[in-house]
């Protein structure tokens, strides 16, 4: 009987048309993926994939096998999940995507704590500040800091608001002066925290007064910790989540400025693929995550 893991690997390669992409999706090495497909082909006695230097494609036998075995494997997984849910078992792999700075700070303790309570689970964590396609990249959930999601194809769950503040180094403020209002902010010296490292528009409000500042003319980056370090170096003023700069504020490396001028509210949010019902392992992790960030280590 064919190894289910080898079948899963084959289907991933067939979908991705790439051994490397399938390995990335499955959190495996490319040689391991190649061996799994080879083992399946050897057992079936047919070639399932055509390999060239540029692409991977299905043979006619591979196309038939993928079309027949894919739905069967899905039914098998759904039946297994249903039995686990009836027993309250949170077993299985959870693939999580999260922002780099947030993930490094909180996910190690969350993942370890969750595994203590649910030892039959496996956790795979991918960190990136890029907005991923949760369905195409095969994640079970994604953690994001953002405004209200606009993607109607995903499910999302608000966890808590994330406070952002304006900061600058003492050296910068000594050299260029401390702004008294948003009108004093020099766009040339505002650091952009942007996914594409190009620029961002700050929208700041103080009562009925609002201002827009285009940041990133001279310096931009796609990671909050990077921008915080640049601000510490005196490169300019940054608008960042408080949890990224709290240690620097305590150490005096950064100072908050213009506390009365506030940006639009962002939320820590969990995104899910369009499940009919959350798998029990995903639901349990979501509850554990929310309890941690709201009670154990609030942001």
C-alpha atoms as a PDB file:
ATOM      1  CA  UNK A   1       0.000   0.000   0.000  1.00  0.00           C
ATOM      2  CA  UNK A   2       1.332   3.449  -0.903  1.00  0.00           C
ATOM      3  CA  UNK A   3       2.651   5.626   1.907  1.00  0.00           C
ATOM      4  CA  UNK A   4       0.168   8.447   2.544  1.00  0.00           C
ATOM      5  CA  UNK A   5       3.018  10.873   3.088  1.00  0.00           C
ATOM      6  CA  UNK A   6       4.473  10.032  -0.328  1.00  0.00           C
ATOM      7  CA  UNK A   7       1.059  10.645  -1.894  1.00  0.00           C
ATOM      8  CA  UNK A   8       0.760  14.020  -0.151  1.00  0.00           C
ATOM      9  CA  UNK A   9       4.204  14.985  -1.398  1.00  0.00           C
ATOM     10  CA  UNK A  10       3.359  13.952  -4.958  1.00  0.00           C
ATOM     11  CA  UNK A  11       0.137  15.989  -4.912  1.00  0.00           C
ATOM     12  CA  UNK A  12       2.027  19.033  -3.613  1.00  0.00           C
ATOM     13  CA  UNK A  13       4.589  18.750  -6.428  1.00  0.00           C
ATOM     14  CA  UNK A  14       1.791  18.265  -8.968  1.00  0.00           C
ATOM     15  CA  UNK A  15       0.037  21.402  -7.685  1.00  0.00           C
ATOM     16  CA  UNK A  16       3.160  23.557  -7.428  1.00  0.00           C
ATOM     17  CA  UNK A  17       4.810  22.189 -10.594  1.00  0.00           C
ATOM     18  CA  UNK A  18       8.060  22.361  -8.653  1.00  0.00           C
ATOM     19  CA  UNK A  19       9.945  20.149  -6.210  1.00  0.00           C
ATOM     20  CA  UNK A  20      11.464  23.196  -4.512  1.00  0.00           C
ATOM     21  CA  UNK A  21       8.114  24.972  -4.118  1.00  0.00           C
ATOM     22  CA  UNK A  22       6.511  21.791  -2.784  1.00  0.00           C
ATOM     23  CA  UNK A  23       9.353  21.356  -0.306  1.00  0.00           C
ATOM     24  CA  UNK A  24       8.847  24.937   0.889  1.00  0.00           C
ATOM     25  CA  UNK A  25       5.107  24.404   1.267  1.00  0.00           C
ATOM     26  CA  UNK A  26       5.576  21.145   3.195  1.00  0.00           C
ATOM     27  CA  UNK A  27       8.517  22.405   5.305  1.00  0.00           C
ATOM     28  CA  UNK A  28      10.708  19.637   3.866  1.00  0.00           C
ATOM     29  CA  UNK A  29      13.982  19.559   1.971  1.00  0.00           C
ATOM     30  CA  UNK A  30      13.948  19.227  -1.817  1.00  0.00           C
ATOM     31  CA  UNK A  31      15.892  15.915  -1.740  1.00  0.00           C
ATOM     32  CA  UNK A  32      13.333  14.469   0.701  1.00  0.00           C
ATOM     33  CA  UNK A  33      10.521  15.479  -1.654  1.00  0.00           C
ATOM     34  CA  UNK A  34      12.346  13.933  -4.609  1.00  0.00           C
ATOM     35  CA  UNK A  35      12.853  10.654  -2.726  1.00  0.00           C
ATOM     36  CA  UNK A  36       9.189  10.515  -1.686  1.00  0.00           C
ATOM     37  CA  UNK A  37       7.975  10.922  -5.266  1.00  0.00           C
ATOM     38  CA  UNK A  38      10.521   8.393  -6.473  1.00  0.00           C
ATOM     39  CA  UNK A  39       9.341   5.876  -3.885  1.00  0.00           C
ATOM     40  CA  UNK A  40       5.725   6.319  -4.972  1.00  0.00           C
ATOM     41  CA  UNK A  41       6.616   5.914  -8.639  1.00  0.00           C
ATOM     42  CA  UNK A  42       8.633   2.780  -7.839  1.00  0.00           C
ATOM     43  CA  UNK A  43       5.739   1.255  -5.915  1.00  0.00           C
ATOM     44  CA  UNK A  44       3.199   2.034  -8.636  1.00  0.00           C
ATOM     45  CA  UNK A  45       5.577   1.018 -11.398  1.00  0.00           C
ATOM     46  CA  UNK A  46       4.817   4.128 -13.488  1.00  0.00           C
ATOM     47  CA  UNK A  47       6.339   7.547 -14.040  1.00  0.00           C
ATOM     48  CA  UNK A  48       4.084  10.212 -12.566  1.00  0.00           C
ATOM     49  CA  UNK A  49       6.112  13.352 -13.295  1.00  0.00           C
ATOM     50  CA  UNK A  50       8.253  14.660 -16.139  1.00  0.00           C
ATOM     51  CA  UNK A  51      11.272  16.531 -14.807  1.00  0.00           C
ATOM     52  CA  UNK A  52      13.161  19.126 -16.816  1.00  0.00           C
ATOM     53  CA  UNK A  53      15.592  21.830 -15.778  1.00  0.00           C
ATOM     54  CA  UNK A  54      12.843  24.434 -16.097  1.00  0.00           C
ATOM     55  CA  UNK A  55       9.649  22.795 -14.903  1.00  0.00           C
ATOM     56  CA  UNK A  56       7.866  19.723 -13.633  1.00  0.00           C
ATOM     57  CA  UNK A  57       4.764  18.410 -15.370  1.00  0.00           C
ATOM     58  CA  UNK A  58       2.446  15.446 -14.984  1.00  0.00           C
ATOM     59  CA  UNK A  59       2.606  12.421 -17.235  1.00  0.00           C
ATOM     60  CA  UNK A  60      -0.728  11.093 -18.476  1.00  0.00           C
ATOM     61  CA  UNK A  61      -0.585   8.432 -15.747  1.00  0.00           C
ATOM     62  CA  UNK A  62       0.309  11.101 -13.191  1.00  0.00           C
ATOM     63  CA  UNK A  63      -2.637  13.253 -14.221  1.00  0.00           C
ATOM     64  CA  UNK A  64      -5.048  10.335 -13.859  1.00  0.00           C
ATOM     65  CA  UNK A  65      -3.577   9.348 -10.493  1.00  0.00           C
ATOM     66  CA  UNK A  66      -3.701  12.906  -9.134  1.00  0.00           C
ATOM     67  CA  UNK A  67      -7.299  13.360 -10.285  1.00  0.00           C
ATOM     68  CA  UNK A  68      -8.422  10.123  -8.619  1.00  0.00           C
ATOM     69  CA  UNK A  69      -6.294  10.100  -5.446  1.00  0.00           C
ATOM     70  CA  UNK A  70      -6.621  13.811  -4.560  1.00  0.00           C
ATOM     71  CA  UNK A  71     -10.343  13.701  -3.661  1.00  0.00           C
ATOM     72  CA  UNK A  72      -9.881  10.367  -1.851  1.00  0.00           C
ATOM     73  CA  UNK A  73      -7.091  11.785   0.286  1.00  0.00           C
ATOM     74  CA  UNK A  74      -9.212  14.834   1.069  1.00  0.00           C
ATOM     75  CA  UNK A  75     -12.068  12.588   2.222  1.00  0.00           C
ATOM     76  CA  UNK A  76      -9.632  10.558   4.311  1.00  0.00           C
ATOM     77  CA  UNK A  77      -8.319  13.721   6.007  1.00  0.00           C
ATOM     78  CA  UNK A  78     -11.836  15.016   6.619  1.00  0.00           C
ATOM     79  CA  UNK A  79     -12.891  11.694   8.179  1.00  0.00           C
ATOM     80  CA  UNK A  80      -9.794  11.650  10.386  1.00  0.00           C
ATOM     81  CA  UNK A  81     -10.437  15.239  11.453  1.00  0.00           C
ATOM     82  CA  UNK A  82     -14.066  14.451  12.266  1.00  0.00           C
ATOM     83  CA  UNK A  83     -13.076  11.508  14.482  1.00  0.00           C
ATOM     84  CA  UNK A  84     -10.486  13.654  16.282  1.00  0.00           C
ATOM     85  CA  UNK A  85     -13.035  16.398  16.875  1.00  0.00           C
ATOM     86  CA  UNK A  86     -15.500  13.911  18.338  1.00  0.00           C
ATOM     87  CA  UNK A  87     -12.823  12.863  20.813  1.00  0.00           C
ATOM     88  CA  UNK A  88     -11.723  16.463  21.459  1.00  0.00           C
ATOM     89  CA  UNK A  89      -8.276  15.649  20.067  1.00  0.00           C
ATOM     90  CA  UNK A  90      -6.216  18.558  18.701  1.00  0.00           C
ATOM     91  CA  UNK A  91      -3.720  16.329  16.891  1.00  0.00           C
ATOM     92  CA  UNK A  92      -2.168  17.267  13.568  1.00  0.00           C
ATOM     93  CA  UNK A  93       0.058  19.901  11.957  1.00  0.00           C
ATOM     94  CA  UNK A  94      -0.674  23.618  12.263  1.00  0.00           C
ATOM     95  CA  UNK A  95       1.047  25.824   9.663  1.00  0.00           C
ATOM     96  CA  UNK A  96       1.257  29.424  10.909  1.00  0.00           C
ATOM     97  CA  UNK A  97       2.408  32.601   9.193  1.00  0.00           C
ATOM     98  CA  UNK A  98       3.221  35.717  11.240  1.00  0.00           C
ATOM     99  CA  UNK A  99       5.029  39.070  10.995  1.00  0.00           C
ATOM    100  CA  UNK A 100       8.746  38.833  11.732  1.00  0.00           C
ATOM    101  CA  UNK A 101       9.023  41.192  14.722  1.00  0.00           C
ATOM    102  CA  UNK A 102       5.849  39.982  16.429  1.00  0.00           C
ATOM    103  CA  UNK A 103       6.602  36.337  15.747  1.00  0.00           C
ATOM    104  CA  UNK A 104      10.093  36.494  17.191  1.00  0.00           C
ATOM    105  CA  UNK A 105       8.821  38.108  20.378  1.00  0.00           C
ATOM    106  CA  UNK A 106       5.830  35.973  21.276  1.00  0.00           C
ATOM    107  CA  UNK A 107       5.508  32.841  19.147  1.00  0.00           C
ATOM    108  CA  UNK A 108       8.327  30.786  20.749  1.00  0.00           C
ATOM    109  CA  UNK A 109       6.617  30.887  24.161  1.00  0.00           C
ATOM    110  CA  UNK A 110       3.143  30.468  22.653  1.00  0.00           C
ATOM    111  CA  UNK A 111       4.160  27.479  20.526  1.00  0.00           C
ATOM    112  CA  UNK A 112       5.987  25.813  23.434  1.00  0.00           C
ATOM    113  CA  UNK A 113       3.092  26.405  25.825  1.00  0.00           C
ATOM    114  CA  UNK A 114       0.581  25.117  23.317  1.00  0.00           C
ATOM    115  CA  UNK A 115       2.594  21.953  22.723  1.00  0.00           C
ATOM    116  CA  UNK A 116       2.660  21.287  26.478  1.00  0.00           C
ATOM    117  CA  UNK A 117      -1.146  21.330  26.552  1.00  0.00           C
ATOM    118  CA  UNK A 118      -1.579  19.558  23.206  1.00  0.00           C
ATOM    119  CA  UNK A 119       1.429  17.260  22.730  1.00  0.00           C
ATOM    120  CA  UNK A 120      -0.096  15.510  19.710  1.00  0.00           C
ATOM    121  CA  UNK A 121       0.092  18.682  17.628  1.00  0.00           C
ATOM    122  CA  UNK A 122       2.967  19.763  15.413  1.00  0.00           C
ATOM    123  CA  UNK A 123       3.602  23.472  14.770  1.00  0.00           C
ATOM    124  CA  UNK A 124       5.253  24.940  11.677  1.00  0.00           C
ATOM    125  CA  UNK A 125       5.953  28.701  11.800  1.00  0.00           C
ATOM    126  CA  UNK A 126       6.868  30.932   8.859  1.00  0.00           C
ATOM    127  CA  UNK A 127       7.768  34.567   9.538  1.00  0.00           C
ATOM    128  CA  UNK A 128       7.433  37.319   6.953  1.00  0.00           C
ATOM    129  CA  UNK A 129       6.179  40.899   6.907  1.00  0.00           C
ATOM    130  CA  UNK A 130       4.749  40.305   3.437  1.00  0.00           C
ATOM    131  CA  UNK A 131       0.991  39.736   3.130  1.00  0.00           C
ATOM    132  CA  UNK A 132       0.772  36.119   2.008  1.00  0.00           C
ATOM    133  CA  UNK A 133      -1.997  34.317   0.134  1.00  0.00           C
ATOM    134  CA  UNK A 134      -3.141  32.046   2.942  1.00  0.00           C
ATOM    135  CA  UNK A 135      -4.920  29.633   0.592  1.00  0.00           C
ATOM    136  CA  UNK A 136      -2.284  29.394  -2.147  1.00  0.00           C
ATOM    137  CA  UNK A 137       0.528  29.072   0.402  1.00  0.00           C
ATOM    138  CA  UNK A 138      -1.373  26.391   2.380  1.00  0.00           C
ATOM    139  CA  UNK A 139      -1.315  27.989   5.830  1.00  0.00           C
ATOM    140  CA  UNK A 140      -3.854  27.052   8.508  1.00  0.00           C
ATOM    141  CA  UNK A 141      -3.846  30.568   9.919  1.00  0.00           C
ATOM    142  CA  UNK A 142      -1.981  33.831   9.562  1.00  0.00           C
ATOM    143  CA  UNK A 143      -1.320  36.412  12.274  1.00  0.00           C
ATOM    144  CA  UNK A 144      -1.442  39.986  11.064  1.00  0.00           C
ATOM    145  CA  UNK A 145      -1.345  43.557  12.343  1.00  0.00           C
ATOM    146  CA  UNK A 146      -3.567  45.545  10.019  1.00  0.00           C
ATOM    147  CA  UNK A 147      -6.701  47.538   9.497  1.00  0.00           C
ATOM    148  CA  UNK A 148      -9.981  45.685   9.010  1.00  0.00           C
ATOM    149  CA  UNK A 149      -9.375  43.003   6.351  1.00  0.00           C
ATOM    150  CA  UNK A 150     -10.783  43.687   2.897  1.00  0.00           C
ATOM    151  CA  UNK A 151     -10.364  40.137   1.544  1.00  0.00           C
ATOM    152  CA  UNK A 152     -13.846  38.597   1.621  1.00  0.00           C
ATOM    153  CA  UNK A 153     -12.543  35.103   0.796  1.00  0.00           C
ATOM    154  CA  UNK A 154     -10.880  34.658   4.194  1.00  0.00           C
ATOM    155  CA  UNK A 155     -12.211  34.380   7.734  1.00  0.00           C
ATOM    156  CA  UNK A 156     -10.734  36.731  10.317  1.00  0.00           C
ATOM    157  CA  UNK A 157     -10.875  37.198  14.062  1.00  0.00           C
ATOM    158  CA  UNK A 158      -9.946  40.393  15.891  1.00  0.00           C
ATOM    159  CA  UNK A 159      -7.771  39.787  18.947  1.00  0.00           C
ATOM    160  CA  UNK A 160      -6.775  43.206  20.335  1.00  0.00           C
ATOM    161  CA  UNK A 161      -5.820  46.714  19.199  1.00  0.00           C
ATOM    162  CA  UNK A 162      -2.135  47.418  18.575  1.00  0.00           C
ATOM    163  CA  UNK A 163      -0.932  50.814  19.757  1.00  0.00           C
ATOM    164  CA  UNK A 164       1.408  52.781  17.471  1.00  0.00           C
ATOM    165  CA  UNK A 165       3.481  55.793  18.474  1.00  0.00           C
ATOM    166  CA  UNK A 166       5.866  58.323  16.949  1.00  0.00           C
ATOM    167  CA  UNK A 167       9.458  58.015  18.166  1.00  0.00           C
ATOM    168  CA  UNK A 168      12.869  59.572  17.578  1.00  0.00           C
ATOM    169  CA  UNK A 169      16.286  59.348  19.187  1.00  0.00           C
ATOM    170  CA  UNK A 170      17.501  61.975  21.707  1.00  0.00           C
ATOM    171  CA  UNK A 171      20.340  62.776  19.300  1.00  0.00           C
ATOM    172  CA  UNK A 172      17.966  63.458  16.440  1.00  0.00           C
ATOM    173  CA  UNK A 173      15.748  65.680  18.602  1.00  0.00           C
ATOM    174  CA  UNK A 174      18.796  67.607  19.828  1.00  0.00           C
ATOM    175  CA  UNK A 175      19.952  68.189  16.271  1.00  0.00           C
ATOM    176  CA  UNK A 176      16.632  68.999  14.596  1.00  0.00           C
ATOM    177  CA  UNK A 177      14.361  70.031  17.458  1.00  0.00           C
ATOM    178  CA  UNK A 178      11.322  68.363  19.018  1.00  0.00           C
ATOM    179  CA  UNK A 179       8.176  68.753  16.872  1.00  0.00           C
ATOM    180  CA  UNK A 180       5.334  70.565  18.640  1.00  0.00           C
ATOM    181  CA  UNK A 181       2.637  69.468  16.175  1.00  0.00           C
ATOM    182  CA  UNK A 182       2.244  67.295  13.091  1.00  0.00           C
ATOM    183  CA  UNK A 183       2.865  70.410  11.000  1.00  0.00           C
ATOM    184  CA  UNK A 184       6.463  70.349  12.261  1.00  0.00           C
ATOM    185  CA  UNK A 185       7.166  66.885  10.838  1.00  0.00           C
ATOM    186  CA  UNK A 186       9.601  67.028   7.935  1.00  0.00           C
ATOM    187  CA  UNK A 187       8.601  64.337   5.398  1.00  0.00           C
ATOM    188  CA  UNK A 188      12.243  64.128   4.330  1.00  0.00           C
ATOM    189  CA  UNK A 189      13.127  62.851   7.787  1.00  0.00           C
ATOM    190  CA  UNK A 190      10.225  60.448   8.372  1.00  0.00           C
ATOM    191  CA  UNK A 191      11.133  56.758   8.119  1.00  0.00           C
ATOM    192  CA  UNK A 192       8.730  54.529   6.187  1.00  0.00           C
ATOM    193  CA  UNK A 193       7.719  51.097   7.471  1.00  0.00           C
ATOM    194  CA  UNK A 194       6.418  49.630   4.233  1.00  0.00           C
ATOM    195  CA  UNK A 195       6.002  46.132   2.809  1.00  0.00           C
ATOM    196  CA  UNK A 196       7.804  47.090  -0.410  1.00  0.00           C
ATOM    197  CA  UNK A 197      10.377  49.391   1.260  1.00  0.00           C
ATOM    198  CA  UNK A 198       9.095  52.285  -0.864  1.00  0.00           C
ATOM    199  CA  UNK A 199       7.103  54.669   1.337  1.00  0.00           C
ATOM    200  CA  UNK A 200       3.966  55.058   3.407  1.00  0.00           C
ATOM    201  CA  UNK A 201       1.462  57.789   4.149  1.00  0.00           C
ATOM    202  CA  UNK A 202       0.970  58.627   7.816  1.00  0.00           C
ATOM    203  CA  UNK A 203      -2.533  59.758   8.740  1.00  0.00           C
ATOM    204  CA  UNK A 204      -2.410  61.539  12.098  1.00  0.00           C
ATOM    205  CA  UNK A 205      -5.330  62.992  14.035  1.00  0.00           C
ATOM    206  CA  UNK A 206      -5.575  65.256  17.055  1.00  0.00           C
ATOM    207  CA  UNK A 207      -9.229  65.877  17.858  1.00  0.00           C
ATOM    208  CA  UNK A 208     -10.775  67.343  14.727  1.00  0.00           C
ATOM    209  CA  UNK A 209      -7.387  68.117  13.165  1.00  0.00           C
ATOM    210  CA  UNK A 210      -5.881  65.652  10.691  1.00  0.00           C
ATOM    211  CA  UNK A 211      -2.622  65.628   8.766  1.00  0.00           C
ATOM    212  CA  UNK A 212      -1.119  63.372   6.107  1.00  0.00           C
ATOM    213  CA  UNK A 213       2.642  62.968   5.822  1.00  0.00           C
ATOM    214  CA  UNK A 214       4.354  60.975   3.106  1.00  0.00           C
ATOM    215  CA  UNK A 215       7.209  59.128   4.822  1.00  0.00           C
ATOM    216  CA  UNK A 216      10.120  57.335   3.216  1.00  0.00           C
ATOM    217  CA  UNK A 217      11.729  59.997   1.024  1.00  0.00           C
ATOM    218  CA  UNK A 218      15.202  59.148   2.312  1.00  0.00           C
ATOM    219  CA  UNK A 219      14.841  55.882   4.231  1.00  0.00           C
ATOM    220  CA  UNK A 220      12.346  53.011   4.109  1.00  0.00           C
ATOM    221  CA  UNK A 221      12.317  49.385   5.193  1.00  0.00           C
ATOM    222  CA  UNK A 222       9.964  46.416   5.380  1.00  0.00           C
ATOM    223  CA  UNK A 223      10.622  45.389   8.985  1.00  0.00           C
ATOM    224  CA  UNK A 224       9.710  47.208  12.197  1.00  0.00           C
ATOM    225  CA  UNK A 225      12.864  46.285  14.114  1.00  0.00           C
ATOM    226  CA  UNK A 226      14.981  47.583  11.233  1.00  0.00           C
ATOM    227  CA  UNK A 227      13.145  50.923  11.273  1.00  0.00           C
ATOM    228  CA  UNK A 228      13.469  51.125  15.067  1.00  0.00           C
ATOM    229  CA  UNK A 229      17.253  50.660  14.840  1.00  0.00           C
ATOM    230  CA  UNK A 230      17.471  53.323  12.128  1.00  0.00           C
ATOM    231  CA  UNK A 231      15.534  55.701  14.386  1.00  0.00           C
ATOM    232  CA  UNK A 232      17.941  54.916  17.248  1.00  0.00           C
ATOM    233  CA  UNK A 233      20.796  55.839  14.899  1.00  0.00           C
ATOM    234  CA  UNK A 234      19.273  59.284  14.428  1.00  0.00           C
ATOM    235  CA  UNK A 235      18.088  58.726  10.865  1.00  0.00           C
ATOM    236  CA  UNK A 236      14.688  60.263  11.542  1.00  0.00           C
ATOM    237  CA  UNK A 237      11.238  59.846  13.082  1.00  0.00           C
ATOM    238  CA  UNK A 238       9.411  56.523  12.982  1.00  0.00           C
ATOM    239  CA  UNK A 239       5.788  55.472  13.463  1.00  0.00           C
ATOM    240  CA  UNK A 240       5.850  51.982  14.973  1.00  0.00           C
ATOM    241  CA  UNK A 241       3.873  49.563  17.171  1.00  0.00           C
ATOM    242  CA  UNK A 242       4.664  50.180  20.823  1.00  0.00           C
ATOM    243  CA  UNK A 243       5.739  46.572  21.420  1.00  0.00           C
ATOM    244  CA  UNK A 244       8.601  47.007  18.927  1.00  0.00           C
ATOM    245  CA  UNK A 245      10.051  50.088  20.658  1.00  0.00           C
ATOM    246  CA  UNK A 246       9.117  49.529  24.328  1.00  0.00           C
ATOM    247  CA  UNK A 247      12.616  48.338  25.298  1.00  0.00           C
ATOM    248  CA  UNK A 248      14.266  51.256  23.462  1.00  0.00           C
ATOM    249  CA  UNK A 249      11.946  53.697  25.236  1.00  0.00           C
ATOM    250  CA  UNK A 250      12.863  52.188  28.608  1.00  0.00           C
ATOM    251  CA  UNK A 251      16.590  52.363  27.766  1.00  0.00           C
ATOM    252  CA  UNK A 252      16.323  55.970  26.608  1.00  0.00           C
ATOM    253  CA  UNK A 253      17.456  55.123  23.084  1.00  0.00           C
ATOM    254  CA  UNK A 254      14.166  56.464  21.741  1.00  0.00           C
ATOM    255  CA  UNK A 255      11.645  59.027  22.950  1.00  0.00           C
ATOM    256  CA  UNK A 256       7.970  59.319  22.147  1.00  0.00           C
ATOM    257  CA  UNK A 257       6.958  62.543  20.422  1.00  0.00           C
ATOM    258  CA  UNK A 258       3.571  64.101  19.642  1.00  0.00           C
ATOM    259  CA  UNK A 259       1.566  61.744  21.897  1.00  0.00           C
ATOM    260  CA  UNK A 260      -1.651  63.668  21.127  1.00  0.00           C
ATOM    261  CA  UNK A 261      -1.345  62.928  17.397  1.00  0.00           C
ATOM    262  CA  UNK A 262      -2.609  59.412  16.753  1.00  0.00           C
ATOM    263  CA  UNK A 263      -2.680  57.188  13.634  1.00  0.00           C
ATOM    264  CA  UNK A 264      -5.665  55.022  12.631  1.00  0.00           C
ATOM    265  CA  UNK A 265      -6.167  52.034  14.894  1.00  0.00           C
ATOM    266  CA  UNK A 266      -4.617  48.735  13.889  1.00  0.00           C
ATOM    267  CA  UNK A 267      -5.669  45.338  15.178  1.00  0.00           C
ATOM    268  CA  UNK A 268      -3.894  42.113  15.888  1.00  0.00           C
ATOM    269  CA  UNK A 269      -5.940  39.712  13.783  1.00  0.00           C
ATOM    270  CA  UNK A 270      -6.043  36.014  12.971  1.00  0.00           C
ATOM    271  CA  UNK A 271      -6.811  35.106   9.355  1.00  0.00           C
ATOM    272  CA  UNK A 272      -8.021  31.688   8.232  1.00  0.00           C
ATOM    273  CA  UNK A 273      -8.708  30.016   4.893  1.00  0.00           C
ATOM    274  CA  UNK A 274     -12.425  29.777   4.076  1.00  0.00           C
ATOM    275  CA  UNK A 275     -13.093  26.772   6.323  1.00  0.00           C
ATOM    276  CA  UNK A 276     -16.666  25.542   6.698  1.00  0.00           C
ATOM    277  CA  UNK A 277     -15.613  24.860  10.281  1.00  0.00           C
ATOM    278  CA  UNK A 278     -12.267  25.523  11.966  1.00  0.00           C
ATOM    279  CA  UNK A 279     -10.290  22.315  12.513  1.00  0.00           C
ATOM    280  CA  UNK A 280     -10.119  21.644  16.232  1.00  0.00           C
ATOM    281  CA  UNK A 281      -6.334  22.092  16.364  1.00  0.00           C
ATOM    282  CA  UNK A 282      -6.673  25.533  14.716  1.00  0.00           C
ATOM    283  CA  UNK A 283      -9.528  26.561  17.027  1.00  0.00           C
ATOM    284  CA  UNK A 284      -7.579  25.431  20.106  1.00  0.00           C
ATOM    285  CA  UNK A 285      -4.449  27.299  18.993  1.00  0.00           C
ATOM    286  CA  UNK A 286      -6.475  30.443  18.284  1.00  0.00           C
ATOM    287  CA  UNK A 287      -7.960  30.405  21.782  1.00  0.00           C
ATOM    288  CA  UNK A 288      -4.541  29.748  23.324  1.00  0.00           C
ATOM    289  CA  UNK A 289      -3.013  32.590  21.289  1.00  0.00           C
ATOM    290  CA  UNK A 290      -5.721  35.066  22.298  1.00  0.00           C
ATOM    291  CA  UNK A 291      -5.401  34.195  25.988  1.00  0.00           C
ATOM    292  CA  UNK A 292      -1.632  34.690  25.837  1.00  0.00           C
ATOM    293  CA  UNK A 293      -1.599  38.091  24.127  1.00  0.00           C
ATOM    294  CA  UNK A 294      -4.480  39.486  26.172  1.00  0.00           C
ATOM    295  CA  UNK A 295      -3.641  38.046  29.599  1.00  0.00           C
ATOM    296  CA  UNK A 296      -0.074  36.704  29.837  1.00  0.00           C
ATOM    297  CA  UNK A 297       1.857  39.182  27.660  1.00  0.00           C
ATOM    298  CA  UNK A 298      -0.421  42.012  26.442  1.00  0.00           C
ATOM    299  CA  UNK A 299       0.862  43.983  23.489  1.00  0.00           C
END
